[in-house]
């Protein structure tokens, strides 16, 4: 029963991550620049970080989420805003902030990891 005392904070962070994910999807959906036309340097690095985030969340790996957070900061600092296609910087910025917020929220969830549930493939038949 004591383990459930922190569930409210964990659930709030999950709720925040869901809201950020929806915002990210809206940004991509409403963008006048299709993902296939994004600046290749940004697209490849951001997609790699998105993939690492998903894998780390699935594994409740707070350490990797911390690494992703630092890599997002590095990516933001290294982007040459003047070299980006016209009107692409706001999209980049929004996606970086959304992913950073997801990583922060779910990093705390991974650290708390109150429940360990086996994957369906690990359950006996």
PDB file of N, CA and C in Angstrom:
ATOM      1  N   UNK A   1       0.817  -1.205   0.000  1.00  0.00           N
ATOM      2  CA  UNK A   1       0.000   0.000   0.000  1.00  0.00           C
ATOM      3  C   UNK A   1       0.857   1.265   0.000  1.00  0.00           C
ATOM      4  N   UNK A   2       2.002   1.212   0.672  1.00  0.00           N
ATOM      5  CA  UNK A   2       2.858   2.402   0.708  1.00  0.00           C
ATOM      6  C   UNK A   2       3.387   2.755  -0.674  1.00  0.00           C
ATOM      7  N   UNK A   3       3.554   1.746  -1.510  1.00  0.00           N
ATOM      8  CA  UNK A   3       4.070   1.993  -2.863  1.00  0.00           C
ATOM      9  C   UNK A   3       3.114   2.832  -3.691  1.00  0.00           C
ATOM     10  N   UNK A   4       1.851   2.848  -3.339  1.00  0.00           N
ATOM     11  CA  UNK A   4       0.862   3.601  -4.121  1.00  0.00           C
ATOM     12  C   UNK A   4       0.827   5.085  -3.755  1.00  0.00           C
ATOM     13  N   UNK A   5       1.531   5.478  -2.709  1.00  0.00           N
ATOM     14  CA  UNK A   5       1.485   6.871  -2.272  1.00  0.00           C
ATOM     15  C   UNK A   5       1.966   7.843  -3.332  1.00  0.00           C
ATOM     16  N   UNK A   6       2.891   7.429  -4.187  1.00  0.00           N
ATOM     17  CA  UNK A   6       3.446   8.321  -5.200  1.00  0.00           C
ATOM     18  C   UNK A   6       2.767   8.171  -6.556  1.00  0.00           C
ATOM     19  N   UNK A   7       1.718   7.366  -6.644  1.00  0.00           N
ATOM     20  CA  UNK A   7       1.063   7.137  -7.928  1.00  0.00           C
ATOM     21  C   UNK A   7       0.477   8.412  -8.526  1.00  0.00           C
ATOM     22  N   UNK A   8      -0.024   9.309  -7.707  1.00  0.00           N
ATOM     23  CA  UNK A   8      -0.626  10.540  -8.243  1.00  0.00           C
ATOM     24  C   UNK A   8       0.399  11.340  -9.035  1.00  0.00           C
ATOM     25  N   UNK A   9       1.599  11.478  -8.500  1.00  0.00           N
ATOM     26  CA  UNK A   9       2.652  12.225  -9.201  1.00  0.00           C
ATOM     27  C   UNK A   9       3.062  11.499 -10.476  1.00  0.00           C
ATOM     28  N   UNK A  10       3.152  10.182 -10.414  1.00  0.00           N
ATOM     29  CA  UNK A  10       3.509   9.397 -11.598  1.00  0.00           C
ATOM     30  C   UNK A  10       2.438   9.565 -12.671  1.00  0.00           C
ATOM     31  N   UNK A  11       1.186   9.470 -12.274  1.00  0.00           N
ATOM     32  CA  UNK A  11       0.092   9.612 -13.243  1.00  0.00           C
ATOM     33  C   UNK A  11       0.061  11.014 -13.849  1.00  0.00           C
ATOM     34  N   UNK A  12       0.374  12.034 -13.075  1.00  0.00           N
ATOM     35  CA  UNK A  12       0.429  13.397 -13.618  1.00  0.00           C
ATOM     36  C   UNK A  12       1.526  13.518 -14.664  1.00  0.00           C
ATOM     37  N   UNK A  13       2.648  12.898 -14.437  1.00  0.00           N
ATOM     38  CA  UNK A  13       3.743  12.950 -15.411  1.00  0.00           C
ATOM     39  C   UNK A  13       3.371  12.198 -16.681  1.00  0.00           C
ATOM     40  N   UNK A  14       2.699  11.073 -16.530  1.00  0.00           N
ATOM     41  CA  UNK A  14       2.238  10.334 -17.708  1.00  0.00           C
ATOM     42  C   UNK A  14       1.227  11.172 -18.483  1.00  0.00           C
ATOM     43  N   UNK A  15       0.316  11.822 -17.775  1.00  0.00           N
ATOM     44  CA  UNK A  15      -0.663  12.702 -18.419  1.00  0.00           C
ATOM     45  C   UNK A  15       0.037  13.824 -19.181  1.00  0.00           C
ATOM     46  N   UNK A  16       1.079  14.386 -18.583  1.00  0.00           N
ATOM     47  CA  UNK A  16       1.834  15.452 -19.240  1.00  0.00           C
ATOM     48  C   UNK A  16       2.506  14.920 -20.510  1.00  0.00           C
ATOM     49  N   UNK A  17       3.084  13.732 -20.433  1.00  0.00           N
ATOM     50  CA  UNK A  17       3.747  13.140 -21.600  1.00  0.00           C
ATOM     51  C   UNK A  17       2.748  12.879 -22.720  1.00  0.00           C
ATOM     52  N   UNK A  18       1.550  12.446 -22.377  1.00  0.00           N
ATOM     53  CA  UNK A  18       0.513  12.221 -23.396  1.00  0.00           C
ATOM     54  C   UNK A  18       0.135  13.542 -24.062  1.00  0.00           C
ATOM     55  N   UNK A  19      -0.020  14.590 -23.276  1.00  0.00           N
ATOM     56  CA  UNK A  19      -0.358  15.906 -23.840  1.00  0.00           C
ATOM     57  C   UNK A  19       0.757  16.397 -24.773  1.00  0.00           C
ATOM     58  N   UNK A  20       2.000  16.193 -24.386  1.00  0.00           N
ATOM     59  CA  UNK A  20       3.130  16.601 -25.237  1.00  0.00           C
ATOM     60  C   UNK A  20       3.171  15.779 -26.520  1.00  0.00           C
ATOM     61  N   UNK A  21       2.844  14.503 -26.417  1.00  0.00           N
ATOM     62  CA  UNK A  21       2.819  13.644 -27.597  1.00  0.00           C
ATOM     63  C   UNK A  21       1.732  14.101 -28.565  1.00  0.00           C
ATOM     64  N   UNK A  22       0.586  14.449 -28.029  1.00  0.00           N
ATOM     65  CA  UNK A  22      -0.500  14.962 -28.882  1.00  0.00           C
ATOM     66  C   UNK A  22      -0.091  16.280 -29.541  1.00  0.00           C
ATOM     67  N   UNK A  23       0.587  17.141 -28.789  1.00  0.00           N
ATOM     68  CA  UNK A  23       1.052  18.402 -29.345  1.00  0.00           C
ATOM     69  C   UNK A  23       2.059  18.153 -30.460  1.00  0.00           C
ATOM     70  N   UNK A  24       2.944  17.198 -30.259  1.00  0.00           N
ATOM     71  CA  UNK A  24       3.935  16.849 -31.276  1.00  0.00           C
ATOM     72  C   UNK A  24       3.234  16.374 -32.555  1.00  0.00           C
ATOM     73  N   UNK A  25       2.257  15.507 -32.393  1.00  0.00           N
ATOM     74  CA  UNK A  25       1.521  14.999 -33.552  1.00  0.00           C
ATOM     75  C   UNK A  25       0.792  16.129 -34.280  1.00  0.00           C
ATOM     76  N   UNK A  26       0.222  17.059 -33.510  1.00  0.00           N
ATOM     77  CA  UNK A  26      -0.459  18.218 -34.116  1.00  0.00           C
ATOM     78  C   UNK A  26       0.532  19.088 -34.881  1.00  0.00           C
ATOM     79  N   UNK A  27       1.689  19.318 -34.304  1.00  0.00           N
ATOM     80  CA  UNK A  27       2.714  20.129 -34.970  1.00  0.00           C
ATOM     81  C   UNK A  27       3.099  19.504 -36.303  1.00  0.00           C
ATOM     82  N   UNK A  28       3.326  18.217 -36.299  1.00  0.00           N
ATOM     83  CA  UNK A  28       3.700  17.529 -37.538  1.00  0.00           C
ATOM     84  C   UNK A  28       2.540  17.549 -38.529  1.00  0.00           C
ATOM     85  N   UNK A  29       1.341  17.292 -38.055  1.00  0.00           N
ATOM     86  CA  UNK A  29       0.167  17.248 -38.933  1.00  0.00           C
ATOM     87  C   UNK A  29      -0.199  18.585 -39.547  1.00  0.00           C
ATOM     88  N   UNK A  30      -0.008  19.649 -38.795  1.00  0.00           N
ATOM     89  CA  UNK A  30      -0.392  20.978 -39.281  1.00  0.00           C
ATOM     90  C   UNK A  30       0.723  21.696 -40.022  1.00  0.00           C
ATOM     91  N   UNK A  31       1.905  21.124 -39.987  1.00  0.00           N
ATOM     92  CA  UNK A  31       3.041  21.753 -40.631  1.00  0.00           C
ATOM     93  C   UNK A  31       2.837  21.818 -42.142  1.00  0.00           C
ATOM     94  N   UNK A  32       3.282  22.915 -42.713  1.00  0.00           N
ATOM     95  CA  UNK A  32       3.223  23.047 -44.175  1.00  0.00           C
ATOM     96  C   UNK A  32       4.406  22.350 -44.836  1.00  0.00           C
ATOM     97  N   UNK A  33       5.314  21.852 -44.011  1.00  0.00           N
ATOM     98  CA  UNK A  33       6.481  21.134 -44.518  1.00  0.00           C
ATOM     99  C   UNK A  33       6.346  19.669 -44.114  1.00  0.00           C
ATOM    100  N   UNK A  34       6.222  18.802 -45.087  1.00  0.00           N
ATOM    101  CA  UNK A  34       6.079  17.366 -44.821  1.00  0.00           C
ATOM    102  C   UNK A  34       7.368  16.826 -44.202  1.00  0.00           C
ATOM    103  N   UNK A  35       7.276  15.842 -43.316  1.00  0.00           N
ATOM    104  CA  UNK A  35       8.485  15.281 -42.701  1.00  0.00           C
ATOM    105  C   UNK A  35       9.538  14.841 -43.718  1.00  0.00           C
ATOM    106  N   UNK A  36       9.118  14.357 -44.869  1.00  0.00           N
ATOM    107  CA  UNK A  36      10.078  13.939 -45.898  1.00  0.00           C
ATOM    108  C   UNK A  36      10.888  15.119 -46.427  1.00  0.00           C
ATOM    109  N   UNK A  37      10.375  16.346 -46.242  1.00  0.00           N
ATOM    110  CA  UNK A  37      11.055  17.547 -46.727  1.00  0.00           C
ATOM    111  C   UNK A  37      11.807  18.288 -45.622  1.00  0.00           C
ATOM    112  N   UNK A  38      11.794  17.752 -44.403  1.00  0.00           N
ATOM    113  CA  UNK A  38      12.511  18.400 -43.309  1.00  0.00           C
ATOM    114  C   UNK A  38      13.993  18.442 -43.623  1.00  0.00           C
ATOM    115  N   UNK A  39      14.678  19.370 -43.012  1.00  0.00           N
ATOM    116  CA  UNK A  39      16.123  19.437 -43.122  1.00  0.00           C
ATOM    117  C   UNK A  39      16.692  18.071 -42.727  1.00  0.00           C
ATOM    118  N   UNK A  40      17.449  17.424 -43.627  1.00  0.00           N
ATOM    119  CA  UNK A  40      17.927  16.060 -43.350  1.00  0.00           C
ATOM    120  C   UNK A  40      18.753  15.936 -42.065  1.00  0.00           C
ATOM    121  N   UNK A  41      19.564  16.930 -41.766  1.00  0.00           N
ATOM    122  CA  UNK A  41      20.387  16.869 -40.553  1.00  0.00           C
ATOM    123  C   UNK A  41      19.507  16.855 -39.306  1.00  0.00           C
ATOM    124  N   UNK A  42      18.480  17.689 -39.308  1.00  0.00           N
ATOM    125  CA  UNK A  42      17.562  17.701 -38.170  1.00  0.00           C
ATOM    126  C   UNK A  42      16.761  16.408 -38.142  1.00  0.00           C
ATOM    127  N   UNK A  43      16.161  16.041 -39.256  1.00  0.00           N
ATOM    128  CA  UNK A  43      15.266  14.881 -39.318  1.00  0.00           C
ATOM    129  C   UNK A  43      15.958  13.613 -38.821  1.00  0.00           C
ATOM    130  N   UNK A  44      17.149  13.323 -39.312  1.00  0.00           N
ATOM    131  CA  UNK A  44      17.812  12.074 -38.935  1.00  0.00           C
ATOM    132  C   UNK A  44      18.151  12.046 -37.444  1.00  0.00           C
ATOM    133  N   UNK A  45      18.645  13.148 -36.918  1.00  0.00           N
ATOM    134  CA  UNK A  45      19.003  13.178 -35.489  1.00  0.00           C
ATOM    135  C   UNK A  45      17.767  13.150 -34.605  1.00  0.00           C
ATOM    136  N   UNK A  46      16.738  13.920 -34.983  1.00  0.00           N
ATOM    137  CA  UNK A  46      15.533  13.972 -34.164  1.00  0.00           C
ATOM    138  C   UNK A  46      14.827  12.613 -34.170  1.00  0.00           C
ATOM    139  N   UNK A  47      14.721  11.973 -35.333  1.00  0.00           N
ATOM    140  CA  UNK A  47      14.089  10.655 -35.398  1.00  0.00           C
ATOM    141  C   UNK A  47      14.876   9.618 -34.600  1.00  0.00           C
ATOM    142  N   UNK A  48      16.198   9.706 -34.631  1.00  0.00           N
ATOM    143  CA  UNK A  48      17.013   8.783 -33.830  1.00  0.00           C
ATOM    144  C   UNK A  48      16.740   8.984 -32.338  1.00  0.00           C
ATOM    145  N   UNK A  49      16.634  10.237 -31.914  1.00  0.00           N
ATOM    146  CA  UNK A  49      16.341  10.521 -30.505  1.00  0.00           C
ATOM    147  C   UNK A  49      14.928  10.090 -30.134  1.00  0.00           C
ATOM    148  N   UNK A  50      13.995  10.247 -31.044  1.00  0.00           N
ATOM    149  CA  UNK A  50      12.628   9.786 -30.805  1.00  0.00           C
ATOM    150  C   UNK A  50      12.617   8.265 -30.622  1.00  0.00           C
ATOM    151  N   UNK A  51      13.357   7.556 -31.464  1.00  0.00           N
ATOM    152  CA  UNK A  51      13.449   6.101 -31.347  1.00  0.00           C
ATOM    153  C   UNK A  51      14.101   5.669 -30.042  1.00  0.00           C
ATOM    154  N   UNK A  52      15.177   6.353 -29.665  1.00  0.00           N
ATOM    155  CA  UNK A  52      15.841   6.045 -28.387  1.00  0.00           C
ATOM    156  C   UNK A  52      14.916   6.312 -27.212  1.00  0.00           C
ATOM    157  N   UNK A  53      14.110   7.369 -27.333  1.00  0.00           N
ATOM    158  CA  UNK A  53      13.160   7.677 -26.265  1.00  0.00           C
ATOM    159  C   UNK A  53      12.159   6.540 -26.113  1.00  0.00           C
ATOM    160  N   UNK A  54      11.597   6.097 -27.237  1.00  0.00           N
ATOM    161  CA  UNK A  54      10.624   5.004 -27.176  1.00  0.00           C
ATOM    162  C   UNK A  54      11.207   3.747 -26.567  1.00  0.00           C
ATOM    163  N   UNK A  55      12.414   3.397 -26.960  1.00  0.00           N
ATOM    164  CA  UNK A  55      13.062   2.198 -26.416  1.00  0.00           C
ATOM    165  C   UNK A  55      13.331   2.360 -24.919  1.00  0.00           C
ATOM    166  N   UNK A  56      13.788   3.535 -24.516  1.00  0.00           N
ATOM    167  CA  UNK A  56      14.084   3.772 -23.099  1.00  0.00           C
ATOM    168  C   UNK A  56      12.818   3.767 -22.257  1.00  0.00           C
ATOM    169  N   UNK A  57      11.741   4.336 -22.786  1.00  0.00           N
ATOM    170  CA  UNK A  57      10.474   4.326 -22.053  1.00  0.00           C
ATOM    171  C   UNK A  57       9.984   2.890 -21.898  1.00  0.00           C
ATOM    172  N   UNK A  58      10.075   2.110 -22.966  1.00  0.00           N
ATOM    173  CA  UNK A  58       9.638   0.708 -22.908  1.00  0.00           C
ATOM    174  C   UNK A  58      10.422  -0.081 -21.870  1.00  0.00           C
ATOM    175  N   UNK A  59      11.690   0.254 -21.706  1.00  0.00           N
ATOM    176  CA  UNK A  59      12.554  -0.456 -20.766  1.00  0.00           C
ATOM    177  C   UNK A  59      12.601   0.216 -19.387  1.00  0.00           C
ATOM    178  N   UNK A  60      11.876   1.323 -19.216  1.00  0.00           N
ATOM    179  CA  UNK A  60      11.932   2.118 -17.979  1.00  0.00           C
ATOM    180  C   UNK A  60      13.386   2.439 -17.628  1.00  0.00           C
ATOM    181  N   UNK A  61      14.125   2.879 -18.636  1.00  0.00           N
ATOM    182  CA  UNK A  61      15.558   3.150 -18.504  1.00  0.00           C
ATOM    183  C   UNK A  61      15.787   4.652 -18.315  1.00  0.00           C
ATOM    184  N   UNK A  62      15.778   5.077 -17.063  1.00  0.00           N
ATOM    185  CA  UNK A  62      15.932   6.498 -16.742  1.00  0.00           C
ATOM    186  C   UNK A  62      17.295   7.027 -17.184  1.00  0.00           C
ATOM    187  N   UNK A  63      18.325   6.211 -17.130  1.00  0.00           N
ATOM    188  CA  UNK A  63      19.655   6.641 -17.540  1.00  0.00           C
ATOM    189  C   UNK A  63      19.708   7.013 -19.008  1.00  0.00           C
ATOM    190  N   UNK A  64      19.115   6.180 -19.851  1.00  0.00           N
ATOM    191  CA  UNK A  64      19.091   6.483 -21.283  1.00  0.00           C
ATOM    192  C   UNK A  64      18.244   7.718 -21.549  1.00  0.00           C
ATOM    193  N   UNK A  65      17.155   7.881 -20.816  1.00  0.00           N
ATOM    194  CA  UNK A  65      16.336   9.088 -20.998  1.00  0.00           C
ATOM    195  C   UNK A  65      17.137  10.332 -20.641  1.00  0.00           C
ATOM    196  N   UNK A  66      17.990  10.238 -19.636  1.00  0.00           N
ATOM    197  CA  UNK A  66      18.880  11.355 -19.308  1.00  0.00           C
ATOM    198  C   UNK A  66      19.859  11.634 -20.440  1.00  0.00           C
ATOM    199  N   UNK A  67      20.370  10.566 -21.051  1.00  0.00           N
ATOM    200  CA  UNK A  67      21.269  10.733 -22.201  1.00  0.00           C
ATOM    201  C   UNK A  67      20.547  11.398 -23.367  1.00  0.00           C
ATOM    202  N   UNK A  68      19.303  10.994 -23.604  1.00  0.00           N
ATOM    203  CA  UNK A  68      18.514  11.587 -24.691  1.00  0.00           C
ATOM    204  C   UNK A  68      18.276  13.064 -24.408  1.00  0.00           C
ATOM    205  N   UNK A  69      17.993  13.393 -23.167  1.00  0.00           N
ATOM    206  CA  UNK A  69      17.768  14.795 -22.797  1.00  0.00           C
ATOM    207  C   UNK A  69      18.991  15.632 -23.139  1.00  0.00           C
ATOM    208  N   UNK A  70      20.168  15.143 -22.786  1.00  0.00           N
ATOM    209  CA  UNK A  70      21.396  15.876 -23.092  1.00  0.00           C
ATOM    210  C   UNK A  70      21.615  15.967 -24.607  1.00  0.00           C
ATOM    211  N   UNK A  71      21.307  14.893 -25.324  1.00  0.00           N
ATOM    212  CA  UNK A  71      21.464  14.903 -26.782  1.00  0.00           C
ATOM    213  C   UNK A  71      20.492  15.884 -27.441  1.00  0.00           C
ATOM    214  N   UNK A  72      19.297  16.025 -26.875  1.00  0.00           N
ATOM    215  CA  UNK A  72      18.346  17.020 -27.392  1.00  0.00           C
ATOM    216  C   UNK A  72      18.892  18.429 -27.192  1.00  0.00           C
ATOM    217  N   UNK A  73      19.464  18.674 -26.027  1.00  0.00           N
ATOM    218  CA  UNK A  73      20.076  19.985 -25.775  1.00  0.00           C
ATOM    219  C   UNK A  73      21.216  20.241 -26.758  1.00  0.00           C
ATOM    220  N   UNK A  74      22.011  19.206 -27.015  1.00  0.00           N
ATOM    221  CA  UNK A  74      23.119  19.342 -27.976  1.00  0.00           C
ATOM    222  C   UNK A  74      22.583  19.659 -29.369  1.00  0.00           C
ATOM    223  N   UNK A  75      21.555  18.922 -29.786  1.00  0.00           N
ATOM    224  CA  UNK A  75      20.969  19.149 -31.110  1.00  0.00           C
ATOM    225  C   UNK A  75      20.445  20.578 -31.228  1.00  0.00           C
ATOM    226  N   UNK A  76      19.736  21.033 -30.219  1.00  0.00           N
ATOM    227  CA  UNK A  76      19.202  22.402 -30.246  1.00  0.00           C
ATOM    228  C   UNK A  76      20.328  23.430 -30.341  1.00  0.00           C
ATOM    229  N   UNK A  77      21.410  23.189 -29.636  1.00  0.00           N
ATOM    230  CA  UNK A  77      22.523  24.127 -29.638  1.00  0.00           C
ATOM    231  C   UNK A  77      23.327  24.116 -30.929  1.00  0.00           C
ATOM    232  N   UNK A  78      23.307  22.993 -31.636  1.00  0.00           N
ATOM    233  CA  UNK A  78      24.107  22.857 -32.847  1.00  0.00           C
ATOM    234  C   UNK A  78      23.358  23.237 -34.128  1.00  0.00           C
ATOM    235  N   UNK A  79      22.045  23.370 -34.053  1.00  0.00           N
ATOM    236  CA  UNK A  79      21.285  23.708 -35.255  1.00  0.00           C
ATOM    237  C   UNK A  79      21.655  25.093 -35.757  1.00  0.00           C
ATOM    238  N   UNK A  80      21.898  25.188 -37.026  1.00  0.00           N
ATOM    239  CA  UNK A  80      22.164  26.474 -37.662  1.00  0.00           C
ATOM    240  C   UNK A  80      20.835  26.996 -38.175  1.00  0.00           C
ATOM    241  N   UNK A  81      20.204  27.826 -37.373  1.00  0.00           N
ATOM    242  CA  UNK A  81      18.865  28.324 -37.689  1.00  0.00           C
ATOM    243  C   UNK A  81      18.836  29.008 -39.050  1.00  0.00           C
ATOM    244  N   UNK A  82      19.888  29.725 -39.383  1.00  0.00           N
ATOM    245  CA  UNK A  82      19.922  30.440 -40.656  1.00  0.00           C
ATOM    246  C   UNK A  82      20.015  29.491 -41.854  1.00  0.00           C
ATOM    247  N   UNK A  83      20.507  28.288 -41.640  1.00  0.00           N
ATOM    248  CA  UNK A  83      20.654  27.326 -42.739  1.00  0.00           C
ATOM    249  C   UNK A  83      19.406  26.475 -42.932  1.00  0.00           C
ATOM    250  N   UNK A  84      18.467  26.553 -41.983  1.00  0.00           N
ATOM    251  CA  UNK A  84      17.242  25.750 -42.096  1.00  0.00           C
ATOM    252  C   UNK A  84      16.334  26.323 -43.176  1.00  0.00           C
ATOM    253  N   UNK A  85      15.530  25.465 -43.792  1.00  0.00           N
ATOM    254  CA  UNK A  85      14.567  25.965 -44.785  1.00  0.00           C
ATOM    255  C   UNK A  85      13.649  27.025 -44.168  1.00  0.00           C
ATOM    256  N   UNK A  86      13.170  27.918 -44.998  1.00  0.00           N
ATOM    257  CA  UNK A  86      12.288  28.999 -44.560  1.00  0.00           C
ATOM    258  C   UNK A  86      11.109  28.452 -43.757  1.00  0.00           C
ATOM    259  N   UNK A  87      10.855  29.060 -42.628  1.00  0.00           N
ATOM    260  CA  UNK A  87       9.742  28.728 -41.736  1.00  0.00           C
ATOM    261  C   UNK A  87       9.864  27.361 -41.069  1.00  0.00           C
ATOM    262  N   UNK A  88      11.029  26.744 -41.106  1.00  0.00           N
ATOM    263  CA  UNK A  88      11.180  25.441 -40.489  1.00  0.00           C
ATOM    264  C   UNK A  88      11.628  25.533 -39.031  1.00  0.00           C
ATOM    265  N   UNK A  89      12.280  26.636 -38.645  1.00  0.00           N
ATOM    266  CA  UNK A  89      12.759  26.740 -37.278  1.00  0.00           C
ATOM    267  C   UNK A  89      11.647  26.578 -36.243  1.00  0.00           C
ATOM    268  N   UNK A  90      10.476  27.183 -36.386  1.00  0.00           N
ATOM    269  CA  UNK A  90       9.434  26.984 -35.366  1.00  0.00           C
ATOM    270  C   UNK A  90       9.020  25.519 -35.225  1.00  0.00           C
ATOM    271  N   UNK A  91       9.025  24.787 -36.324  1.00  0.00           N
ATOM    272  CA  UNK A  91       8.678  23.369 -36.259  1.00  0.00           C
ATOM    273  C   UNK A  91       9.760  22.618 -35.487  1.00  0.00           C
ATOM    274  N   UNK A  92      11.022  22.866 -35.849  1.00  0.00           N
ATOM    275  CA  UNK A  92      12.143  22.239 -35.129  1.00  0.00           C
ATOM    276  C   UNK A  92      12.053  22.536 -33.637  1.00  0.00           C
ATOM    277  N   UNK A  93      11.880  23.792 -33.320  1.00  0.00           N
ATOM    278  CA  UNK A  93      11.829  24.196 -31.916  1.00  0.00           C
ATOM    279  C   UNK A  93      10.704  23.518 -31.166  1.00  0.00           C
ATOM    280  N   UNK A  94       9.525  23.479 -31.781  1.00  0.00           N
ATOM    281  CA  UNK A  94       8.376  22.841 -31.125  1.00  0.00           C
ATOM    282  C   UNK A  94       8.635  21.360 -30.895  1.00  0.00           C
ATOM    283  N   UNK A  95       9.171  20.683 -31.903  1.00  0.00           N
ATOM    284  CA  UNK A  95       9.413  19.246 -31.774  1.00  0.00           C
ATOM    285  C   UNK A  95      10.501  18.955 -30.741  1.00  0.00           C
ATOM    286  N   UNK A  96      11.515  19.792 -30.693  1.00  0.00           N
ATOM    287  CA  UNK A  96      12.559  19.618 -29.680  1.00  0.00           C
ATOM    288  C   UNK A  96      12.003  19.806 -28.269  1.00  0.00           C
ATOM    289  N   UNK A  97      11.184  20.845 -28.097  1.00  0.00           N
ATOM    290  CA  UNK A  97      10.601  21.108 -26.775  1.00  0.00           C
ATOM    291  C   UNK A  97       9.638  19.986 -26.391  1.00  0.00           C
ATOM    292  N   UNK A  98       8.792  19.557 -27.326  1.00  0.00           N
ATOM    293  CA  UNK A  98       7.862  18.469 -27.020  1.00  0.00           C
ATOM    294  C   UNK A  98       8.609  17.214 -26.585  1.00  0.00           C
ATOM    295  N   UNK A  99       9.613  16.825 -27.350  1.00  0.00           N
ATOM    296  CA  UNK A  99      10.343  15.608 -27.017  1.00  0.00           C
ATOM    297  C   UNK A  99      11.111  15.766 -25.701  1.00  0.00           C
ATOM    298  N   UNK A 100      11.680  16.929 -25.483  1.00  0.00           N
ATOM    299  CA  UNK A 100      12.371  17.165 -24.206  1.00  0.00           C
ATOM    300  C   UNK A 100      11.403  17.042 -23.036  1.00  0.00           C
ATOM    301  N   UNK A 101      10.213  17.611 -23.165  1.00  0.00           N
ATOM    302  CA  UNK A 101       9.225  17.539 -22.091  1.00  0.00           C
ATOM    303  C   UNK A 101       8.761  16.102 -21.852  1.00  0.00           C
ATOM    304  N   UNK A 102       8.623  15.336 -22.920  1.00  0.00           N
ATOM    305  CA  UNK A 102       8.248  13.919 -22.788  1.00  0.00           C
ATOM    306  C   UNK A 102       9.343  13.167 -22.046  1.00  0.00           C
ATOM    307  N   UNK A 103      10.587  13.411 -22.451  1.00  0.00           N
ATOM    308  CA  UNK A 103      11.727  12.735 -21.823  1.00  0.00           C
ATOM    309  C   UNK A 103      11.800  13.088 -20.335  1.00  0.00           C
ATOM    310  N   UNK A 104      11.612  14.347 -20.004  1.00  0.00           N
ATOM    311  CA  UNK A 104      11.653  14.754 -18.595  1.00  0.00           C
ATOM    312  C   UNK A 104      10.537  14.098 -17.797  1.00  0.00           C
ATOM    313  N   UNK A 105       9.329  14.130 -18.330  1.00  0.00           N
ATOM    314  CA  UNK A 105       8.188  13.558 -17.605  1.00  0.00           C
ATOM    315  C   UNK A 105       8.351  12.056 -17.422  1.00  0.00           C
ATOM    316  N   UNK A 106       8.725  11.374 -18.489  1.00  0.00           N
ATOM    317  CA  UNK A 106       8.815   9.919 -18.407  1.00  0.00           C
ATOM    318  C   UNK A 106      10.107   9.449 -17.752  1.00  0.00           C
ATOM    319  N   UNK A 107      11.109  10.318 -17.696  1.00  0.00           N
ATOM    320  CA  UNK A 107      12.308   9.981 -16.932  1.00  0.00           C
ATOM    321  C   UNK A 107      11.975   9.828 -15.463  1.00  0.00           C
ATOM    322  N   UNK A 108      11.157  10.726 -14.956  1.00  0.00           N
ATOM    323  CA  UNK A 108      10.734  10.623 -13.555  1.00  0.00           C
ATOM    324  C   UNK A 108       9.864   9.389 -13.338  1.00  0.00           C
ATOM    325  N   UNK A 109       9.048   9.057 -14.321  1.00  0.00           N
ATOM    326  CA  UNK A 109       8.221   7.850 -14.227  1.00  0.00           C
ATOM    327  C   UNK A 109       9.117   6.612 -14.211  1.00  0.00           C
ATOM    328  N   UNK A 110      10.114   6.594 -15.086  1.00  0.00           N
ATOM    329  CA  UNK A 110      11.035   5.446 -15.135  1.00  0.00           C
ATOM    330  C   UNK A 110      11.790   5.302 -13.822  1.00  0.00           C
ATOM    331  N   UNK A 111      12.178   6.418 -13.225  1.00  0.00           N
ATOM    332  CA  UNK A 111      12.883   6.350 -11.943  1.00  0.00           C
ATOM    333  C   UNK A 111      11.988   5.807 -10.840  1.00  0.00           C
ATOM    334  N   UNK A 112      10.702   6.146 -10.885  1.00  0.00           N
ATOM    335  CA  UNK A 112       9.763   5.687  -9.869  1.00  0.00           C
ATOM    336  C   UNK A 112       9.352   4.240 -10.111  1.00  0.00           C
ATOM    337  N   UNK A 113       9.335   3.845 -11.354  1.00  0.00           N
ATOM    338  CA  UNK A 113       8.895   2.532 -11.825  1.00  0.00           C
ATOM    339  C   UNK A 113       8.315   1.663 -10.707  1.00  0.00           C
ATOM    340  N   UNK A 114       7.072   1.959 -10.351  1.00  0.00           N
ATOM    341  CA  UNK A 114       6.456   1.250  -9.229  1.00  0.00           C
ATOM    342  C   UNK A 114       5.987  -0.164  -9.558  1.00  0.00           C
ATOM    343  N   UNK A 115       5.809  -0.460 -10.811  1.00  0.00           N
ATOM    344  CA  UNK A 115       5.240  -1.744 -11.180  1.00  0.00           C
ATOM    345  C   UNK A 115       6.084  -2.365 -12.281  1.00  0.00           C
ATOM    346  N   UNK A 116       6.341  -3.631 -12.159  1.00  0.00           N
ATOM    347  CA  UNK A 116       7.034  -4.359 -13.204  1.00  0.00           C
ATOM    348  C   UNK A 116       6.077  -5.372 -13.798  1.00  0.00           C
ATOM    349  N   UNK A 117       5.721  -5.182 -15.040  1.00  0.00           N
ATOM    350  CA  UNK A 117       4.764  -6.061 -15.695  1.00  0.00           C
ATOM    351  C   UNK A 117       5.487  -6.802 -16.814  1.00  0.00           C
ATOM    352  N   UNK A 118       5.403  -8.145 -16.794  1.00  0.00           N
ATOM    353  CA  UNK A 118       6.068  -8.879 -17.883  1.00  0.00           C
ATOM    354  C   UNK A 118       5.389  -8.618 -19.217  1.00  0.00           C
ATOM    355  N   UNK A 119       6.179  -8.647 -20.269  1.00  0.00           N
ATOM    356  CA  UNK A 119       5.603  -8.480 -21.600  1.00  0.00           C
ATOM    357  C   UNK A 119       4.765  -9.705 -21.916  1.00  0.00           C
ATOM    358  N   UNK A 120       3.754  -9.557 -22.764  1.00  0.00           N
ATOM    359  CA  UNK A 120       2.888 -10.708 -23.074  1.00  0.00           C
ATOM    360  C   UNK A 120       3.664 -11.913 -23.579  1.00  0.00           C
ATOM    361  N   UNK A 121       4.768 -11.698 -24.298  1.00  0.00           N
ATOM    362  CA  UNK A 121       5.534 -12.821 -24.805  1.00  0.00           C
ATOM    363  C   UNK A 121       6.251 -13.582 -23.683  1.00  0.00           C
ATOM    364  N   UNK A 122       6.411 -12.953 -22.529  1.00  0.00           N
ATOM    365  CA  UNK A 122       7.085 -13.595 -21.409  1.00  0.00           C
ATOM    366  C   UNK A 122       6.127 -14.353 -20.497  1.00  0.00           C
ATOM    367  N   UNK A 123       4.833 -14.181 -20.722  1.00  0.00           N
ATOM    368  CA  UNK A 123       3.831 -14.852 -19.893  1.00  0.00           C
ATOM    369  C   UNK A 123       3.701 -16.312 -20.323  1.00  0.00           C
ATOM    370  N   UNK A 124       3.436 -17.205 -19.366  1.00  0.00           N
ATOM    371  CA  UNK A 124       3.251 -18.602 -19.741  1.00  0.00           C
ATOM    372  C   UNK A 124       1.999 -18.763 -20.603  1.00  0.00           C
ATOM    373  N   UNK A 125       2.062 -19.728 -21.495  1.00  0.00           N
ATOM    374  CA  UNK A 125       0.921 -19.960 -22.414  1.00  0.00           C
ATOM    375  C   UNK A 125      -0.239 -20.581 -21.705  1.00  0.00           C
TER     376      UNK A 125
END
